[in-house]
N, C-alpha and C. Protein backbone atom coordinates (compact mmCIF):
# COMPACT_ATOMS: atom_id res chain seq x y z
N UNK A 1 12.69 -5.30 23.82
CA UNK A 1 11.73 -5.69 22.98
C UNK A 1 11.34 -7.23 23.02
N UNK A 2 12.62 -7.92 23.09
CA UNK A 2 12.48 -9.48 23.35
C UNK A 2 11.61 -9.65 24.39
N UNK A 3 11.92 -8.99 25.63
CA UNK A 3 11.14 -9.37 26.91
C UNK A 3 9.75 -9.06 26.57
N UNK A 4 9.23 -7.96 25.89
CA UNK A 4 8.03 -7.65 25.75
C UNK A 4 7.25 -8.75 24.75
N UNK A 5 7.94 -9.26 23.90
CA UNK A 5 7.62 -10.30 23.01
C UNK A 5 7.09 -11.60 23.88
N UNK A 6 8.11 -11.99 24.70
CA UNK A 6 8.07 -13.07 25.64
C UNK A 6 6.85 -12.76 26.49
N UNK A 7 6.63 -11.56 27.03
CA UNK A 7 5.43 -11.40 27.99
C UNK A 7 4.20 -11.39 27.20
N UNK A 8 4.08 -10.98 26.06
CA UNK A 8 2.98 -10.91 25.20
C UNK A 8 2.70 -12.61 24.79
N UNK A 9 3.73 -13.17 24.31
CA UNK A 9 3.27 -14.74 24.22
C UNK A 9 2.82 -15.42 25.53
N UNK A 10 3.61 -15.23 26.60
CA UNK A 10 3.07 -15.98 27.81
C UNK A 10 1.44 -15.48 28.14
N UNK A 11 1.34 -13.98 27.95
CA UNK A 11 -0.12 -13.60 28.32
C UNK A 11 -1.23 -14.23 27.43
N UNK A 12 -0.76 -14.38 26.01
CA UNK A 12 -1.63 -15.14 25.10
C UNK A 12 -1.83 -16.57 25.32
N UNK A 13 -0.73 -17.11 25.71
CA UNK A 13 -0.82 -18.54 26.15
C UNK A 13 -2.03 -18.72 27.19
N UNK A 14 -1.71 -18.07 28.47
CA UNK A 14 -2.85 -17.99 29.50
C UNK A 14 -4.13 -17.56 29.14
N UNK A 15 -4.16 -16.64 28.20
CA UNK A 15 -5.57 -16.30 27.87
C UNK A 15 -6.08 -17.41 26.96
N UNK A 16 -5.51 -17.93 26.22
CA UNK A 16 -6.00 -19.10 25.15
C UNK A 16 -6.20 -20.11 26.03
N UNK A 17 -5.53 -20.61 26.97
CA UNK A 17 -5.76 -21.87 27.90
C UNK A 17 -6.89 -21.61 28.83
N UNK A 18 -7.09 -20.30 29.23
CA UNK A 18 -8.13 -19.96 30.04
C UNK A 18 -9.50 -20.03 29.16
N UNK A 19 -9.55 -19.49 28.02
CA UNK A 19 -10.76 -19.33 27.30
C UNK A 19 -10.95 -20.83 27.06
N UNK A 20 -10.20 -21.75 26.64
CA UNK A 20 -10.52 -23.21 26.32
C UNK A 20 -11.07 -23.68 27.73
N UNK A 21 -10.63 -23.48 28.78
CA UNK A 21 -11.00 -24.17 29.98
C UNK A 21 -12.48 -23.82 30.36
N UNK A 22 -12.90 -22.53 30.10
CA UNK A 22 -14.15 -21.82 30.43
C UNK A 22 -15.12 -22.23 29.35
N UNK A 23 -14.92 -22.77 28.19
CA UNK A 23 -15.80 -22.83 27.02
C UNK A 23 -16.36 -24.19 26.81
N UNK A 24 -16.64 -24.91 27.94
CA UNK A 24 -17.41 -26.15 27.66
C UNK A 24 -18.62 -26.11 26.66
N UNK A 25 -18.61 -26.91 25.64
CA UNK A 25 -19.91 -26.89 24.70
C UNK A 25 -21.04 -27.92 25.35
N UNK A 26 -21.85 -27.69 26.11
CA UNK A 26 -22.98 -28.36 26.56
C UNK A 26 -23.55 -29.19 25.54
N UNK A 27 -23.95 -28.47 24.52
CA UNK A 27 -24.72 -29.13 23.14
C UNK A 27 -23.79 -30.10 22.91
N UNK A 28 -22.59 -29.93 22.56
CA UNK A 28 -21.86 -30.84 22.06
C UNK A 28 -21.67 -32.19 22.66
N UNK A 29 -21.50 -31.88 24.26
CA UNK A 29 -21.51 -33.06 25.21
C UNK A 29 -22.68 -33.81 25.28
N UNK A 30 -23.86 -33.15 25.23
CA UNK A 30 -25.26 -33.83 25.41
C UNK A 30 -25.49 -34.61 24.02
N UNK A 31 -25.07 -34.23 23.01
CA UNK A 31 -25.45 -34.92 21.75
C UNK A 31 -24.89 -36.33 21.59
N UNK A 32 -23.66 -36.38 22.54
CA UNK A 32 -22.91 -37.65 22.40
C UNK A 32 -23.48 -38.79 23.44
N UNK A 33 -24.58 -38.25 24.18
CA UNK A 33 -25.07 -39.24 25.43
C UNK A 33 -26.43 -39.99 24.86
N UNK A 34 -26.67 -40.94 25.63
CA UNK A 34 -27.80 -41.61 25.26
C UNK A 34 -29.16 -41.03 25.38
N UNK A 35 -29.21 -40.15 26.11
CA UNK A 35 -30.43 -39.41 26.34
C UNK A 35 -29.88 -37.84 26.76
N UNK A 36 -29.97 -37.20 25.46
CA UNK A 36 -29.36 -35.77 25.57
C UNK A 36 -30.08 -34.85 26.42
N UNK A 37 -31.72 -34.95 26.27
CA UNK A 37 -32.40 -34.11 27.00
C UNK A 37 -32.06 -34.25 28.42
N UNK A 38 -31.71 -35.47 28.98
CA UNK A 38 -31.56 -35.64 30.69
C UNK A 38 -30.06 -35.02 30.88
N UNK A 39 -29.35 -35.16 29.88
CA UNK A 39 -28.05 -34.60 30.17
C UNK A 39 -27.88 -33.01 30.14
N UNK A 40 -28.86 -32.48 29.36
CA UNK A 40 -29.12 -30.93 29.23
C UNK A 40 -29.67 -30.56 30.66
N UNK A 41 -30.68 -31.17 31.02
CA UNK A 41 -31.31 -31.01 32.29
C UNK A 41 -30.36 -31.14 33.60
N UNK A 42 -29.43 -32.10 33.51
CA UNK A 42 -28.54 -32.24 34.53
C UNK A 42 -27.33 -31.25 34.51
N UNK A 43 -26.86 -30.95 33.51
CA UNK A 43 -25.76 -29.85 33.36
C UNK A 43 -26.34 -28.32 33.67
N UNK A 44 -27.72 -28.27 33.38
CA UNK A 44 -28.26 -26.82 33.68
C UNK A 44 -28.74 -26.80 35.23
N UNK A 45 -29.00 -27.92 35.78
CA UNK A 45 -29.07 -27.77 37.08
C UNK A 45 -27.85 -27.54 37.91
N UNK A 46 -26.91 -27.26 37.47
CA UNK A 46 -25.51 -26.87 38.08
C UNK A 46 -25.66 -25.55 38.73
N UNK A 47 -25.47 -25.44 40.03
CA UNK A 47 -25.42 -24.20 40.59
C UNK A 47 -24.39 -23.09 39.90
N UNK A 48 -24.95 -22.10 39.84
CA UNK A 48 -24.33 -21.09 39.00
C UNK A 48 -24.23 -21.45 37.64
N UNK A 49 -25.11 -22.07 37.12
CA UNK A 49 -25.41 -22.21 35.53
C UNK A 49 -24.20 -23.29 35.09
N UNK A 50 -24.40 -23.44 33.57
CA UNK A 50 -23.65 -24.45 33.05
C UNK A 50 -22.11 -24.02 32.78
N UNK A 51 -22.05 -22.80 33.02
CA UNK A 51 -20.80 -22.03 32.60
C UNK A 51 -19.51 -23.04 33.36
N UNK A 52 -18.45 -22.99 32.73
CA UNK A 52 -17.23 -23.45 33.38
C UNK A 52 -16.45 -24.35 32.32
N UNK A 53 -15.57 -25.00 32.93
CA UNK A 53 -14.61 -25.74 32.15
C UNK A 53 -15.29 -27.15 32.22
N UNK A 54 -14.87 -28.02 31.12
CA UNK A 54 -15.11 -29.43 31.08
C UNK A 54 -14.91 -30.26 32.20
N UNK A 55 -13.69 -30.05 32.86
CA UNK A 55 -13.35 -30.59 34.22
C UNK A 55 -14.40 -30.29 35.30
N UNK A 56 -14.83 -28.95 35.37
CA UNK A 56 -15.74 -28.69 36.71
C UNK A 56 -16.89 -29.34 36.35
N UNK A 57 -17.59 -29.40 35.19
CA UNK A 57 -18.60 -29.99 34.69
C UNK A 57 -18.67 -31.43 35.06
N UNK A 58 -17.56 -32.07 34.62
CA UNK A 58 -17.55 -33.59 35.01
C UNK A 58 -17.31 -33.69 36.39
N UNK A 59 -16.54 -32.85 37.20
CA UNK A 59 -16.81 -33.20 38.62
C UNK A 59 -18.15 -32.89 39.33
N UNK A 60 -18.96 -31.96 38.78
CA UNK A 60 -20.36 -31.83 38.98
C UNK A 60 -21.09 -33.30 38.88
N UNK A 61 -20.76 -33.63 37.77
CA UNK A 61 -21.65 -35.05 37.53
C UNK A 61 -21.28 -36.03 38.34
N UNK A 62 -20.02 -36.12 38.69
CA UNK A 62 -19.53 -37.36 39.63
C UNK A 62 -20.21 -36.99 41.09
N UNK A 63 -20.11 -35.75 41.58
CA UNK A 63 -20.80 -35.54 42.66
C UNK A 63 -22.42 -35.84 42.52
N UNK A 64 -22.86 -35.32 41.61
CA UNK A 64 -24.22 -36.00 41.40
C UNK A 64 -24.84 -37.31 41.26
N UNK A 65 -23.80 -37.97 40.95
CA UNK A 65 -23.70 -39.45 40.75
C UNK A 65 -23.64 -40.11 42.08
N UNK A 66 -22.78 -39.67 43.01
CA UNK A 66 -22.52 -40.15 44.23
C UNK A 66 -23.80 -39.87 45.13
N UNK A 67 -24.20 -38.53 44.81
CA UNK A 67 -25.63 -38.44 45.49
C UNK A 67 -26.65 -39.30 45.33
N UNK A 68 -26.85 -39.49 43.84
CA UNK A 68 -27.96 -40.41 43.41
C UNK A 68 -27.53 -41.78 43.80
N UNK A 69 -26.40 -42.33 43.71
CA UNK A 69 -26.33 -43.72 44.25
C UNK A 69 -26.57 -44.05 45.57
N UNK A 70 -26.06 -42.95 46.63
CA UNK A 70 -26.61 -43.17 47.75
C UNK A 70 -28.10 -42.88 48.19
N UNK A 71 -28.76 -42.37 47.25
CA UNK A 71 -30.30 -42.26 47.36
C UNK A 71 -30.78 -43.51 47.08
N UNK A 72 -30.35 -44.00 46.03
CA UNK A 72 -30.69 -45.49 45.31
C UNK A 72 -30.40 -46.64 46.59
N UNK A 73 -29.25 -46.36 47.20
CA UNK A 73 -28.99 -47.50 48.18
C UNK A 73 -29.96 -47.46 49.48
N UNK A 74 -30.48 -46.27 49.77
CA UNK A 74 -31.32 -46.04 50.86
C UNK A 74 -32.69 -46.58 50.42
N UNK A 75 -33.09 -46.27 49.11
CA UNK A 75 -34.39 -46.66 48.66
C UNK A 75 -34.27 -48.43 48.58
N UNK A 76 -33.43 -48.84 48.21
CA UNK A 76 -33.11 -50.26 48.13
C UNK A 76 -33.35 -50.87 49.68
N UNK A 77 -32.64 -50.32 50.46
CA UNK A 77 -32.91 -50.80 51.97
C UNK A 77 -34.29 -50.76 52.46
N UNK A 78 -35.05 -49.71 52.07
CA UNK A 78 -36.55 -49.52 52.36
C UNK A 78 -37.21 -50.68 51.54
N UNK A 79 -36.84 -50.78 50.32
CA UNK A 79 -37.69 -51.82 49.62
C UNK A 79 -37.41 -53.34 50.11
N UNK A 80 -36.32 -53.56 50.43
CA UNK A 80 -36.01 -54.75 51.32
C UNK A 80 -36.70 -54.86 52.53
N UNK A 81 -36.87 -53.96 53.39
CA UNK A 81 -37.73 -53.97 54.51
C UNK A 81 -39.16 -54.10 54.36
N UNK A 82 -39.76 -53.55 53.16
CA UNK A 82 -41.08 -53.65 52.75
C UNK A 82 -41.53 -54.68 52.04
N UNK A 83 -40.51 -55.58 51.45
CA UNK A 83 -41.05 -56.50 50.71
C UNK A 83 -41.65 -57.80 51.29
N UNK A 84 -41.33 -57.67 52.64
CA UNK A 84 -42.25 -58.69 53.46
C UNK A 84 -41.86 -60.03 53.05
N UNK A 85 -42.56 -60.98 52.91
CA UNK A 85 -42.33 -62.37 52.82
C UNK A 85 -42.19 -62.89 51.43
N UNK A 86 -42.07 -61.94 50.59
CA UNK A 86 -42.22 -62.14 49.09
C UNK A 86 -40.83 -62.55 48.72
N UNK A 87 -40.24 -63.75 48.52
CA UNK A 87 -38.96 -64.27 48.25
C UNK A 87 -38.47 -63.77 46.93
N UNK A 88 -39.12 -63.66 45.86
CA UNK A 88 -38.73 -62.88 44.71
C UNK A 88 -38.36 -61.50 44.98
N UNK A 89 -39.06 -60.67 45.54
CA UNK A 89 -38.80 -59.46 45.60
C UNK A 89 -37.71 -59.17 46.61
N UNK A 90 -37.64 -59.96 47.76
CA UNK A 90 -36.35 -59.93 48.70
C UNK A 90 -35.13 -60.28 47.87
N UNK A 91 -35.09 -61.34 46.95
CA UNK A 91 -34.02 -61.90 46.25
C UNK A 91 -33.57 -60.55 45.31
N UNK A 92 -34.46 -60.15 44.60
CA UNK A 92 -34.03 -58.95 43.62
C UNK A 92 -33.59 -57.92 44.34
N UNK A 93 -34.22 -57.39 45.40
CA UNK A 93 -33.75 -56.18 46.10
C UNK A 93 -32.47 -56.41 46.63
N UNK A 94 -32.06 -57.65 47.23
CA UNK A 94 -30.97 -57.94 47.95
C UNK A 94 -29.79 -58.07 46.72
N UNK A 95 -30.23 -58.56 45.62
CA UNK A 95 -29.04 -58.61 44.57
C UNK A 95 -28.89 -57.27 44.20
N UNK A 96 -29.77 -56.37 44.01
CA UNK A 96 -29.68 -54.85 43.58
C UNK A 96 -28.88 -54.05 44.52
N UNK A 97 -28.93 -54.62 45.97
CA UNK A 97 -28.10 -54.04 47.03
C UNK A 97 -26.69 -54.40 46.83
N UNK A 98 -26.47 -55.64 46.42
CA UNK A 98 -25.12 -56.01 46.31
C UNK A 98 -24.34 -55.22 45.02
N UNK A 99 -25.33 -55.17 43.82
CA UNK A 99 -24.70 -54.63 42.82
C UNK A 99 -24.57 -53.15 42.77
N UNK A 100 -25.43 -52.38 43.80
CA UNK A 100 -25.01 -50.91 44.01
C UNK A 100 -24.05 -50.53 45.07
N UNK A 101 -23.78 -51.64 45.71
CA UNK A 101 -22.99 -51.53 47.06
C UNK A 101 -21.71 -51.03 47.19
N UNK A 102 -21.17 -51.02 48.15
CA UNK A 102 -19.47 -50.46 48.38
C UNK A 102 -18.59 -51.58 48.03
N UNK A 103 -18.98 -52.84 48.10
CA UNK A 103 -18.05 -53.76 48.03
C UNK A 103 -18.09 -54.53 46.40
N UNK A 104 -17.61 -53.76 45.67
CA UNK A 104 -17.40 -54.14 44.28
C UNK A 104 -18.69 -53.85 43.33
N UNK A 105 -19.42 -53.02 43.93
CA UNK A 105 -20.68 -52.40 43.37
C UNK A 105 -20.60 -51.04 42.65
N UNK A 106 -21.81 -50.39 42.28
CA UNK A 106 -21.66 -49.06 41.82
C UNK A 106 -20.99 -48.05 42.70
N UNK A 107 -21.45 -48.19 44.10
CA UNK A 107 -20.63 -47.26 44.96
C UNK A 107 -19.27 -47.17 45.00
N UNK A 108 -18.82 -48.41 44.94
CA UNK A 108 -17.23 -48.67 44.82
C UNK A 108 -16.52 -47.97 43.75
N UNK A 109 -17.37 -48.12 42.38
CA UNK A 109 -16.97 -47.44 41.41
C UNK A 109 -16.93 -45.69 41.34
N UNK A 110 -18.15 -45.33 42.08
CA UNK A 110 -18.13 -43.92 42.42
C UNK A 110 -16.91 -43.36 43.24
N UNK A 111 -16.71 -43.93 44.27
CA UNK A 111 -15.81 -43.54 44.97
C UNK A 111 -14.53 -43.56 44.60
N UNK A 112 -14.27 -44.65 43.79
CA UNK A 112 -12.76 -44.74 43.23
C UNK A 112 -12.75 -43.81 42.09
N UNK A 113 -13.70 -43.52 41.36
CA UNK A 113 -13.73 -42.36 40.28
C UNK A 113 -13.41 -40.98 40.90
N UNK A 114 -13.99 -40.69 42.15
CA UNK A 114 -13.77 -39.57 42.78
C UNK A 114 -12.26 -39.33 43.19
N UNK A 115 -11.80 -40.45 43.42
CA UNK A 115 -10.42 -40.31 43.96
C UNK A 115 -9.55 -40.13 42.54
N UNK A 116 -9.87 -41.12 41.65
CA UNK A 116 -9.02 -40.96 40.42
C UNK A 116 -9.21 -39.64 39.50
N UNK A 117 -10.32 -39.01 39.73
CA UNK A 117 -10.46 -37.75 38.89
C UNK A 117 -9.68 -36.57 39.60
N UNK A 118 -9.59 -36.64 40.83
CA UNK A 118 -8.83 -35.77 41.45
C UNK A 118 -7.20 -35.90 40.82
N UNK A 119 -6.89 -37.03 40.55
CA UNK A 119 -5.45 -37.18 39.96
C UNK A 119 -5.47 -37.05 38.51
N UNK A 120 -6.47 -36.60 37.93
CA UNK A 120 -6.62 -36.58 36.40
C UNK A 120 -6.53 -37.85 35.72
N UNK A 121 -6.85 -39.05 36.36
CA UNK A 121 -6.81 -40.39 35.62
C UNK A 121 -8.30 -40.44 34.77
N UNK A 122 -8.52 -39.70 33.83
CA UNK A 122 -9.57 -39.66 33.11
C UNK A 122 -9.90 -40.90 32.60
N UNK A 123 -9.07 -41.74 32.08
CA UNK A 123 -9.10 -43.06 31.28
C UNK A 123 -9.84 -43.90 32.36
N UNK A 124 -9.17 -43.90 33.62
CA UNK A 124 -9.90 -44.97 34.38
C UNK A 124 -11.20 -44.50 35.07
N UNK A 125 -11.50 -43.28 34.95
CA UNK A 125 -12.96 -42.91 35.37
C UNK A 125 -13.88 -43.28 34.24
N UNK A 126 -13.30 -43.08 33.20
CA UNK A 126 -14.35 -43.51 31.90
C UNK A 126 -14.47 -45.03 32.00
N UNK A 127 -13.59 -45.86 32.39
CA UNK A 127 -13.65 -47.36 32.56
C UNK A 127 -14.60 -47.48 33.69
N UNK A 128 -14.55 -46.82 34.80
CA UNK A 128 -15.38 -47.06 35.97
C UNK A 128 -17.04 -46.75 35.64
N UNK A 129 -16.97 -45.81 34.73
CA UNK A 129 -18.53 -45.32 34.32
C UNK A 129 -18.96 -46.63 33.42
N UNK A 130 -18.20 -47.27 32.68
CA UNK A 130 -18.88 -48.47 31.97
C UNK A 130 -19.12 -49.64 32.65
N UNK A 131 -18.06 -49.77 33.64
CA UNK A 131 -18.53 -51.03 34.66
C UNK A 131 -19.61 -50.57 35.39
N UNK A 132 -19.71 -49.60 35.88
CA UNK A 132 -20.75 -48.97 36.92
C UNK A 132 -22.00 -49.20 36.22
N UNK A 133 -22.18 -48.86 34.80
CA UNK A 133 -23.53 -48.90 34.19
C UNK A 133 -23.79 -50.60 34.03
N UNK A 134 -22.90 -51.41 33.84
CA UNK A 134 -23.17 -52.76 33.65
C UNK A 134 -24.03 -53.34 35.06
N UNK A 135 -23.35 -52.76 36.13
CA UNK A 135 -24.02 -53.31 37.42
C UNK A 135 -25.37 -52.65 37.36
N UNK A 136 -25.67 -51.50 37.05
CA UNK A 136 -26.94 -50.75 37.03
C UNK A 136 -27.79 -51.55 36.16
N UNK A 137 -27.64 -51.72 34.85
CA UNK A 137 -28.34 -52.56 33.94
C UNK A 137 -28.65 -53.72 34.50
N UNK A 138 -27.68 -54.47 35.10
CA UNK A 138 -27.90 -55.90 35.71
C UNK A 138 -29.10 -55.90 36.54
N UNK A 139 -29.05 -54.97 37.58
CA UNK A 139 -30.12 -54.60 38.55
C UNK A 139 -31.47 -54.56 37.88
N UNK A 140 -31.49 -53.54 36.93
CA UNK A 140 -32.71 -53.31 36.23
C UNK A 140 -33.23 -54.56 35.57
N UNK A 141 -32.33 -55.14 34.82
CA UNK A 141 -32.93 -56.40 33.94
C UNK A 141 -33.25 -57.63 34.70
N UNK A 142 -32.87 -57.63 36.03
CA UNK A 142 -33.20 -58.89 37.07
C UNK A 142 -34.82 -59.04 37.29
N UNK A 143 -35.39 -57.96 37.10
CA UNK A 143 -36.66 -58.12 37.36
C UNK A 143 -37.49 -56.77 36.50
N UNK A 144 -37.70 -56.86 35.19
CA UNK A 144 -38.27 -56.20 34.45
C UNK A 144 -40.01 -55.66 34.83
N UNK A 145 -40.35 -56.46 35.69
CA UNK A 145 -41.62 -56.06 36.19
C UNK A 145 -41.74 -55.36 37.35
N UNK A 146 -40.65 -54.89 38.10
CA UNK A 146 -40.65 -54.11 39.30
C UNK A 146 -41.26 -52.79 38.98
N UNK A 147 -42.21 -52.46 39.77
CA UNK A 147 -43.11 -51.57 39.77
C UNK A 147 -42.48 -50.46 40.90
N UNK A 148 -41.57 -50.72 41.55
CA UNK A 148 -41.11 -49.74 42.63
C UNK A 148 -40.48 -48.67 41.87
N UNK A 149 -40.01 -47.64 42.64
CA UNK A 149 -39.19 -46.62 42.22
C UNK A 149 -37.74 -46.92 41.91
N UNK A 150 -37.24 -48.22 42.05
CA UNK A 150 -35.95 -48.66 41.78
C UNK A 150 -35.47 -48.43 40.23
N UNK A 151 -36.54 -48.94 39.46
CA UNK A 151 -35.91 -48.63 37.98
C UNK A 151 -35.67 -47.26 37.54
N UNK A 152 -36.48 -46.44 38.09
CA UNK A 152 -36.35 -44.92 37.96
C UNK A 152 -35.09 -44.35 38.37
N UNK A 153 -34.79 -44.72 39.71
CA UNK A 153 -33.68 -44.46 40.21
C UNK A 153 -32.49 -44.82 39.45
N UNK A 154 -32.42 -46.09 39.12
CA UNK A 154 -31.49 -46.83 38.42
C UNK A 154 -31.32 -46.19 37.19
N UNK A 155 -32.13 -45.67 36.46
CA UNK A 155 -31.98 -45.01 35.12
C UNK A 155 -31.51 -43.68 35.21
N UNK A 156 -31.76 -43.03 36.40
CA UNK A 156 -31.18 -41.75 36.69
C UNK A 156 -29.61 -41.86 36.74
N UNK A 157 -29.11 -42.95 37.54
CA UNK A 157 -27.87 -43.16 37.85
C UNK A 157 -27.04 -43.62 36.53
N UNK A 158 -27.93 -44.52 35.74
CA UNK A 158 -27.22 -44.66 34.44
C UNK A 158 -26.93 -43.55 33.51
N UNK A 159 -27.90 -42.81 33.52
CA UNK A 159 -27.67 -41.38 32.64
C UNK A 159 -26.83 -40.37 33.32
N UNK A 160 -26.57 -40.34 34.43
CA UNK A 160 -25.53 -39.39 35.00
C UNK A 160 -24.19 -39.96 34.77
N UNK A 161 -23.95 -41.34 34.86
CA UNK A 161 -22.87 -41.84 34.42
C UNK A 161 -22.48 -41.89 32.99
N UNK A 162 -23.74 -41.83 32.26
CA UNK A 162 -23.18 -41.77 30.73
C UNK A 162 -22.75 -40.61 30.33
N UNK A 163 -23.48 -39.52 31.11
CA UNK A 163 -22.89 -37.99 30.88
C UNK A 163 -21.46 -37.85 31.35
N UNK A 164 -21.07 -38.57 32.57
CA UNK A 164 -19.88 -38.53 33.05
C UNK A 164 -19.03 -39.07 31.89
N UNK A 165 -19.26 -40.32 31.71
CA UNK A 165 -18.49 -40.82 30.62
C UNK A 165 -17.94 -40.07 29.29
N UNK A 166 -19.17 -39.47 28.83
CA UNK A 166 -18.79 -38.58 27.61
C UNK A 166 -17.76 -37.67 28.02
N UNK A 167 -17.92 -36.91 29.11
CA UNK A 167 -17.15 -35.75 29.44
C UNK A 167 -15.55 -36.33 29.84
N UNK A 168 -15.57 -37.47 30.37
CA UNK A 168 -14.30 -37.87 30.78
C UNK A 168 -13.71 -38.42 29.52
N UNK A 169 -14.26 -38.82 28.54
CA UNK A 169 -13.76 -39.26 27.23
C UNK A 169 -13.30 -38.12 26.45
N UNK A 170 -13.88 -36.94 26.71
CA UNK A 170 -13.51 -35.60 25.89
C UNK A 170 -12.00 -35.22 26.78
N UNK A 171 -12.15 -35.40 28.17
CA UNK A 171 -10.93 -34.90 28.70
C UNK A 171 -9.95 -35.69 28.45
N UNK A 172 -9.93 -37.18 28.17
CA UNK A 172 -8.72 -37.81 27.80
C UNK A 172 -8.48 -37.45 26.43
N UNK A 173 -9.07 -37.08 25.51
CA UNK A 173 -8.56 -36.72 24.17
C UNK A 173 -8.14 -35.09 24.13
N UNK A 174 -8.31 -34.44 25.16
CA UNK A 174 -7.89 -33.09 25.31
C UNK A 174 -6.42 -33.00 25.87
């Protein structure tokens, strides 16, 4: 009888923890972000739907963040090439390239976050998202009159990082 009780307790433990892992509340996550509608759209774009645990959703947003930062860097390179002899545009885009780049910029924060996430260092990933968004916001604010696609791309990166920040903060508390 004791063995049976232990087996039942172990079974219930695994069922309970499995249920908790697969029951990420997307509405609750997105309500905590700066732009809840963006968060909902992002999480609903996850292949196989929004189901899954909080950790897998956070991993998905980190992967999406990496893709969007890479696309933003490609855009910045094109903008530099097409800005011609306009020194103001050249300087702005070069500054943004440094802010988004791999040497202490947004990309370096994303790459570091991907490594730290694998080791469940959610506190550090949260910090990386905050620092990352300082760089993104700095790029955007340097030329508020920029009519290129850069501000739009940068806002997407900011919003993905914000969503990731909310989820990693939740993972820290769990």
